[in-house]
Amino acid sequence: KSMKISTIRDLLDADVLCGEEYLGNHVYSACGSDMMSDVLAYVKDQAVLLTGLMNTQVVRTAVMMDMRCIVFVRGKVPPKEVVALAEDAGIVVLATKERMYVACGKLAP
């Protein structure tokens, strides 16, 4: 199954920080973690990364794993350089007030 990134935005009541032009893209899986080593072990293309980690390594990891969207949870808003790096890579960045557990649950089929 797939889900549009715009649907993720709606389900999580998230703000779009960059990549609005890609909201129509589909994703096929999601991964929730604050440990990028776990994300690297979870190899799925066209995925969504849910995290509370707020540094550029998040974007670099998402690029390496061919992820389409990063969702920052717990009301966190990443620094401008993180958003700029994601924008350059064509990755949608969303920010939600939901906690990781709740956000992952809302995205589950």
C-alpha atoms as a PDB file:
ATOM      1  CA  LYS A   1       0.000   0.000   0.000  1.00  0.00           C
ATOM      2  CA  SER A   2       1.012   3.597  -0.455  1.00  0.00           C
ATOM      3  CA  MET A   3       0.027   6.917   1.058  1.00  0.00           C
ATOM      4  CA  LYS A   4       0.295  10.434  -0.298  1.00  0.00           C
ATOM      5  CA  ILE A   5       2.524  12.778   1.682  1.00  0.00           C
ATOM      6  CA  SER A   6      -0.395  15.222   1.795  1.00  0.00           C
ATOM      7  CA  THR A   7      -2.404  12.562   3.646  1.00  0.00           C
ATOM      8  CA  ILE A   8       0.406  12.258   6.203  1.00  0.00           C
ATOM      9  CA  ARG A   9       0.325  16.019   6.666  1.00  0.00           C
ATOM     10  CA  ASP A  10      -3.421  15.890   7.239  1.00  0.00           C
ATOM     11  CA  LEU A  11      -3.373  12.869   9.591  1.00  0.00           C
ATOM     12  CA  LEU A  12      -0.663  14.466  11.756  1.00  0.00           C
ATOM     13  CA  ASP A  13      -2.008  18.030  11.479  1.00  0.00           C
ATOM     14  CA  ALA A  14       1.535  18.951  10.445  1.00  0.00           C
ATOM     15  CA  ASP A  15       3.067  22.152   9.147  1.00  0.00           C
ATOM     16  CA  VAL A  16       4.941  21.960   5.842  1.00  0.00           C
ATOM     17  CA  LEU A  17       8.414  23.483   6.308  1.00  0.00           C
ATOM     18  CA  CYS A  18       9.623  22.729   2.770  1.00  0.00           C
ATOM     19  CA  GLY A  19       8.825  20.591  -0.247  1.00  0.00           C
ATOM     20  CA  GLU A  20       5.200  21.609  -0.669  1.00  0.00           C
ATOM     21  CA  GLU A  21       5.491  20.824  -4.384  1.00  0.00           C
ATOM     22  CA  TYR A  22       6.081  17.139  -3.506  1.00  0.00           C
ATOM     23  CA  LEU A  23       2.986  16.637  -1.305  1.00  0.00           C
ATOM     24  CA  GLY A  24       1.357  14.599  -4.083  1.00  0.00           C
ATOM     25  CA  ASN A  25       4.145  12.006  -4.023  1.00  0.00           C
ATOM     26  CA  HIS A  26       3.460   8.550  -2.617  1.00  0.00           C
ATOM     27  CA  VAL A  27       5.417   6.763   0.101  1.00  0.00           C
ATOM     28  CA  TYR A  28       5.318   3.080   0.923  1.00  0.00           C
ATOM     29  CA  SER A  29       6.655   2.752   4.457  1.00  0.00           C
ATOM     30  CA  ALA A  30       7.617   4.743   7.539  1.00  0.00           C
ATOM     31  CA  CYS A  31      10.308   4.538  10.180  1.00  0.00           C
ATOM     32  CA  GLY A  32      10.215   6.237  13.570  1.00  0.00           C
ATOM     33  CA  SER A  33      13.561   6.657  15.346  1.00  0.00           C
ATOM     34  CA  ASP A  34      15.907   9.142  16.971  1.00  0.00           C
ATOM     35  CA  MET A  35      18.843   6.819  16.271  1.00  0.00           C
ATOM     36  CA  MET A  36      20.118   7.208  12.726  1.00  0.00           C
ATOM     37  CA  SER A  37      21.994   3.883  12.953  1.00  0.00           C
ATOM     38  CA  ASP A  38      18.615   2.159  13.317  1.00  0.00           C
ATOM     39  CA  VAL A  39      17.315   4.053  10.310  1.00  0.00           C
ATOM     40  CA  LEU A  40      20.299   2.936   8.235  1.00  0.00           C
ATOM     41  CA  ALA A  41      19.510  -0.669   9.179  1.00  0.00           C
ATOM     42  CA  TYR A  42      15.897  -0.198   8.033  1.00  0.00           C
ATOM     43  CA  VAL A  43      16.362  -0.247   4.267  1.00  0.00           C
ATOM     44  CA  LYS A  44      13.161   0.726   2.466  1.00  0.00           C
ATOM     45  CA  ASP A  45      12.885   3.107  -0.432  1.00  0.00           C
ATOM     46  CA  GLN A  46      10.408   5.955  -0.638  1.00  0.00           C
ATOM     47  CA  ALA A  47       9.872   6.006   3.100  1.00  0.00           C
ATOM     48  CA  VAL A  48       8.953   8.580   5.712  1.00  0.00           C
ATOM     49  CA  LEU A  49      11.275   9.227   8.645  1.00  0.00           C
ATOM     50  CA  LEU A  50       9.653  10.325  11.912  1.00  0.00           C
ATOM     51  CA  THR A  51      12.169  11.724  14.386  1.00  0.00           C
ATOM     52  CA  GLY A  52      12.806  14.182  17.178  1.00  0.00           C
ATOM     53  CA  LEU A  53      16.485  14.509  16.288  1.00  0.00           C
ATOM     54  CA  MET A  54      17.235  18.018  15.071  1.00  0.00           C
ATOM     55  CA  ASN A  55      20.518  17.974  13.149  1.00  0.00           C
ATOM     56  CA  THR A  56      21.741  17.725   9.570  1.00  0.00           C
ATOM     57  CA  GLN A  57      22.589  14.024  10.006  1.00  0.00           C
ATOM     58  CA  VAL A  58      18.849  13.347   9.835  1.00  0.00           C
ATOM     59  CA  VAL A  59      18.709  14.784   6.318  1.00  0.00           C
ATOM     60  CA  ARG A  60      21.928  13.079   5.237  1.00  0.00           C
ATOM     61  CA  THR A  61      20.538   9.757   6.454  1.00  0.00           C
ATOM     62  CA  ALA A  62      17.242  10.376   4.641  1.00  0.00           C
ATOM     63  CA  VAL A  63      19.124  11.125   1.412  1.00  0.00           C
ATOM     64  CA  MET A  64      21.213   7.937   1.724  1.00  0.00           C
ATOM     65  CA  MET A  65      18.050   5.886   2.274  1.00  0.00           C
ATOM     66  CA  ASP A  66      16.111   7.540  -0.577  1.00  0.00           C
ATOM     67  CA  MET A  67      13.460   8.814   1.841  1.00  0.00           C
ATOM     68  CA  ARG A  68      10.857  11.253   0.555  1.00  0.00           C
ATOM     69  CA  CYS A  69       9.697  12.930   3.753  1.00  0.00           C
ATOM     70  CA  ILE A  70      10.948  13.768   7.253  1.00  0.00           C
ATOM     71  CA  VAL A  71       8.437  14.412  10.020  1.00  0.00           C
ATOM     72  CA  PHE A  72       9.748  16.159  13.126  1.00  0.00           C
ATOM     73  CA  VAL A  73       7.637  15.133  16.117  1.00  0.00           C
ATOM     74  CA  ARG A  74       6.910  16.534  19.594  1.00  0.00           C
ATOM     75  CA  GLY A  75       6.454  20.090  18.326  1.00  0.00           C
ATOM     76  CA  LYS A  76      10.104  20.416  17.385  1.00  0.00           C
ATOM     77  CA  VAL A  77      11.064  22.756  14.568  1.00  0.00           C
ATOM     78  CA  PRO A  78      14.468  22.049  13.001  1.00  0.00           C
ATOM     79  CA  PRO A  79      17.089  24.762  12.469  1.00  0.00           C
ATOM     80  CA  LYS A  80      17.081  26.610   9.135  1.00  0.00           C
ATOM     81  CA  GLU A  81      20.169  24.760   7.877  1.00  0.00           C
ATOM     82  CA  VAL A  82      18.403  21.407   8.343  1.00  0.00           C
ATOM     83  CA  VAL A  83      15.369  22.586   6.368  1.00  0.00           C
ATOM     84  CA  ALA A  84      17.600  24.106   3.655  1.00  0.00           C
ATOM     85  CA  LEU A  85      19.535  20.850   3.266  1.00  0.00           C
ATOM     86  CA  ALA A  86      16.280  18.895   2.925  1.00  0.00           C
ATOM     87  CA  GLU A  87      14.920  21.393   0.422  1.00  0.00           C
ATOM     88  CA  ASP A  88      18.063  21.064  -1.703  1.00  0.00           C
ATOM     89  CA  ALA A  89      17.595  17.274  -1.640  1.00  0.00           C
ATOM     90  CA  GLY A  90      13.905  17.461  -2.650  1.00  0.00           C
ATOM     91  CA  ILE A  91      12.683  16.058   0.664  1.00  0.00           C
ATOM     92  CA  VAL A  92       9.411  17.190   2.229  1.00  0.00           C
ATOM     93  CA  VAL A  93       9.830  18.381   5.829  1.00  0.00           C
ATOM     94  CA  LEU A  94       6.825  18.313   8.135  1.00  0.00           C
ATOM     95  CA  ALA A  95       6.525  19.318  11.788  1.00  0.00           C
ATOM     96  CA  THR A  96       3.821  17.935  14.077  1.00  0.00           C
ATOM     97  CA  LYS A  97       2.963  18.378  17.733  1.00  0.00           C
ATOM     98  CA  GLU A  98       2.217  14.651  18.003  1.00  0.00           C
ATOM     99  CA  ARG A  99       4.533  12.392  19.992  1.00  0.00           C
ATOM    100  CA  MET A 100       6.406   9.720  18.037  1.00  0.00           C
ATOM    101  CA  TYR A 101       4.231   6.864  19.318  1.00  0.00           C
ATOM    102  CA  VAL A 102       0.962   8.604  18.430  1.00  0.00           C
ATOM    103  CA  ALA A 103       2.252   9.790  15.051  1.00  0.00           C
ATOM    104  CA  CYS A 104       3.374   6.270  14.072  1.00  0.00           C
ATOM    105  CA  GLY A 105       0.009   4.889  15.199  1.00  0.00           C
ATOM    106  CA  LYS A 106      -1.907   7.370  13.082  1.00  0.00           C
ATOM    107  CA  LEU A 107       0.064   6.324  10.006  1.00  0.00           C
ATOM    108  CA  ALA A 108      -0.409   2.593  10.557  1.00  0.00           C
ATOM    109  CA  PRO A 109      -2.890   0.887   8.198  1.00  0.00           C
END
